C-alpha atoms as a PDB file:
ATOM      1  CA  MET A   1       0.000   0.000   0.000  1.00  0.00           C
ATOM      2  CA  ASN A   2       1.240   3.465  -0.866  1.00  0.00           C
ATOM      3  CA  GLU A   3       2.611   5.503   2.061  1.00  0.00           C
ATOM      4  CA  THR A   4       0.568   8.568   1.084  1.00  0.00           C
ATOM      5  CA  PHE A   5      -2.607   6.491   0.958  1.00  0.00           C
ATOM      6  CA  LYS A   6      -1.918   5.191   4.481  1.00  0.00           C
ATOM      7  CA  LYS A   7      -1.495   8.732   5.768  1.00  0.00           C
ATOM      8  CA  VAL A   8      -4.731   9.827   4.068  1.00  0.00           C
ATOM      9  CA  LEU A   9      -6.614   6.939   5.683  1.00  0.00           C
ATOM     10  CA  ILE A  10      -5.260   7.874   9.102  1.00  0.00           C
ATOM     11  CA  ALA A  11      -6.078  11.558   8.593  1.00  0.00           C
ATOM     12  CA  ILE A  12      -9.643  10.630   7.601  1.00  0.00           C
ATOM     13  CA  GLY A  13     -10.140   7.849  10.143  1.00  0.00           C
ATOM     14  CA  ILE A  14      -9.343   9.847  13.268  1.00  0.00           C
ATOM     15  CA  PRO A  15     -11.960  12.615  12.795  1.00  0.00           C
ATOM     16  CA  LEU A  16     -14.581  10.187  11.504  1.00  0.00           C
ATOM     17  CA  GLY A  17     -13.948   7.904  14.494  1.00  0.00           C
ATOM     18  CA  ILE A  18     -14.398  10.830  16.866  1.00  0.00           C
ATOM     19  CA  MET A  19     -17.607  11.768  15.065  1.00  0.00           C
ATOM     20  CA  LEU A  20     -18.918   8.224  15.508  1.00  0.00           C
ATOM     21  CA  LEU A  21     -18.116   8.391  19.221  1.00  0.00           C
ATOM     22  CA  PHE A  22     -20.072  11.638  19.529  1.00  0.00           C
ATOM     23  CA  LEU A  23     -23.095   9.929  17.983  1.00  0.00           C
ATOM     24  CA  ALA A  24     -23.210   7.564  20.968  1.00  0.00           C
ATOM     25  CA  VAL A  25     -23.868  10.336  23.503  1.00  0.00           C
ATOM     26  CA  PRO A  26     -27.177  12.189  23.824  1.00  0.00           C
ATOM     27  CA  ASP A  27     -27.233  15.456  21.859  1.00  0.00           C
ATOM     28  CA  GLY A  28     -23.953  14.506  20.238  1.00  0.00           C
ATOM     29  CA  PHE A  29     -25.409  15.028  16.781  1.00  0.00           C
ATOM     30  CA  PHE A  30     -24.749  18.767  17.039  1.00  0.00           C
ATOM     31  CA  MET A  31     -21.071  18.140  17.771  1.00  0.00           C
ATOM     32  CA  VAL A  32     -20.827  15.852  14.746  1.00  0.00           C
ATOM     33  CA  GLY A  33     -22.142  18.671  12.584  1.00  0.00           C
ATOM     34  CA  VAL A  34     -19.685  21.148  14.058  1.00  0.00           C
ATOM     35  CA  LEU A  35     -16.788  18.739  13.533  1.00  0.00           C
ATOM     36  CA  ALA A  36     -17.919  17.992   9.974  1.00  0.00           C
ATOM     37  CA  LEU A  37     -17.720  21.726   9.248  1.00  0.00           C
ATOM     38  CA  LEU A  38     -14.609  22.535  11.261  1.00  0.00           C
ATOM     39  CA  VAL A  39     -12.234  19.691  10.357  1.00  0.00           C
ATOM     40  CA  PRO A  40     -12.144  20.238   6.561  1.00  0.00           C
ATOM     41  CA  PHE A  41     -11.409  23.953   6.967  1.00  0.00           C
ATOM     42  CA  VAL A  42      -8.669  23.306   9.518  1.00  0.00           C
ATOM     43  CA  TYR A  43      -7.173  20.671   7.212  1.00  0.00           C
ATOM     44  CA  LEU A  44      -7.407  23.117   4.281  1.00  0.00           C
ATOM     45  CA  ILE A  45      -5.593  25.902   6.121  1.00  0.00           C
ATOM     46  CA  ALA A  46      -2.943  23.562   7.528  1.00  0.00           C
ATOM     47  CA  GLY A  47      -2.499  21.871   4.136  1.00  0.00           C
ATOM     48  CA  VAL A  48      -1.988  25.146   2.293  1.00  0.00           C
ATOM     49  CA  ILE A  49       0.530  26.304   4.896  1.00  0.00           C
ATOM     50  CA  LEU A  50       2.418  23.006   4.696  1.00  0.00           C
ATOM     51  CA  ILE A  51       2.448  23.055   0.886  1.00  0.00           C
ATOM     52  CA  PHE A  52       4.588  26.212   1.009  1.00  0.00           C
ATOM     53  CA  THR A  53       7.024  24.750   3.539  1.00  0.00           C
ATOM     54  CA  SER A  54       9.303  21.739   3.293  1.00  0.00           C
ATOM     55  CA  ARG A  55       6.507  19.297   4.267  1.00  0.00           C
ATOM     56  CA  LYS A  56       4.743  19.178   0.903  1.00  0.00           C
ATOM     57  CA  LYS A  57       3.611  15.523   1.190  1.00  0.00           C
ATOM     58  CA  LEU A  58       1.869  16.139   4.518  1.00  0.00           C
ATOM     59  CA  GLY A  59       0.213  19.219   3.033  1.00  0.00           C
ATOM     60  CA  GLN A  60      -1.101  17.139   0.137  1.00  0.00           C
ATOM     61  CA  VAL A  61      -2.374  14.505   2.551  1.00  0.00           C
ATOM     62  CA  LEU A  62      -4.258  17.115   4.587  1.00  0.00           C
ATOM     63  CA  LEU A  63      -5.772  18.721   1.490  1.00  0.00           C
ATOM     64  CA  ILE A  64      -6.987  15.373   0.147  1.00  0.00           C
ATOM     65  CA  SER A  65      -8.308  14.302   3.558  1.00  0.00           C
ATOM     66  CA  GLY A  66     -10.091  17.601   4.091  1.00  0.00           C
ATOM     67  CA  GLY A  67     -11.766  17.289   0.712  1.00  0.00           C
ATOM     68  CA  ILE A  68     -12.938  13.751   1.395  1.00  0.00           C
ATOM     69  CA  ILE A  69     -14.299  14.665   4.842  1.00  0.00           C
ATOM     70  CA  PHE A  70     -16.053  17.681   3.281  1.00  0.00           C
ATOM     71  CA  LEU A  71     -17.691  15.430   0.668  1.00  0.00           C
ATOM     72  CA  ILE A  72     -18.834  12.964   3.338  1.00  0.00           C
ATOM     73  CA  GLY A  73     -20.264  15.754   5.511  1.00  0.00           C
ATOM     74  CA  PHE A  74     -21.957  17.470   2.573  1.00  0.00           C
ATOM     75  CA  SER A  75     -23.568  14.262   1.343  1.00  0.00           C
ATOM     76  CA  VAL A  76     -24.842  13.303   4.795  1.00  0.00           C
ATOM     77  CA  CYS A  77     -26.194  16.821   5.325  1.00  0.00           C
ATOM     78  CA  SER A  78     -27.954  16.884   1.961  1.00  0.00           C
ATOM     79  CA  ILE A  79     -29.533  13.484   2.599  1.00  0.00           C
ATOM     80  CA  MET A  80     -30.787  14.690   5.981  1.00  0.00           C
ATOM     81  CA  LEU A  81     -32.212  17.902   4.491  1.00  0.00           C
ATOM     82  CA  SER A  82     -33.944  16.039   1.674  1.00  0.00           C
ATOM     83  CA  ASN A  83     -35.920  14.005   4.226  1.00  0.00           C
ATOM     84  CA  MET A  84     -37.121  17.079   6.136  1.00  0.00           C
ATOM     85  CA  ASN A  85     -40.591  18.482   5.622  1.00  0.00           C
ATOM     86  CA  PHE A  86     -40.771  22.285   5.771  1.00  0.00           C
ATOM     87  CA  HIS A  87     -44.562  22.625   5.397  1.00  0.00           C
END
């Protein structure tokens, strides 16, 4: 397995694992939403900063991971909103 792919899986797995743990507690759904919004932007900022330093591979990993987490959060949010009735 590629070393970059392993790092991407770790960078995705940790926040998603924490989000799953928050789903187990009452009213943890709000925290999952906050994390789904916060983590991709933090990864984006950190990735862009690292791209311009000597740690280019880690910056790429964070950018890819942030994008994947953003897609997961956006798809879950859109599925939840499509099932809501606003009448």
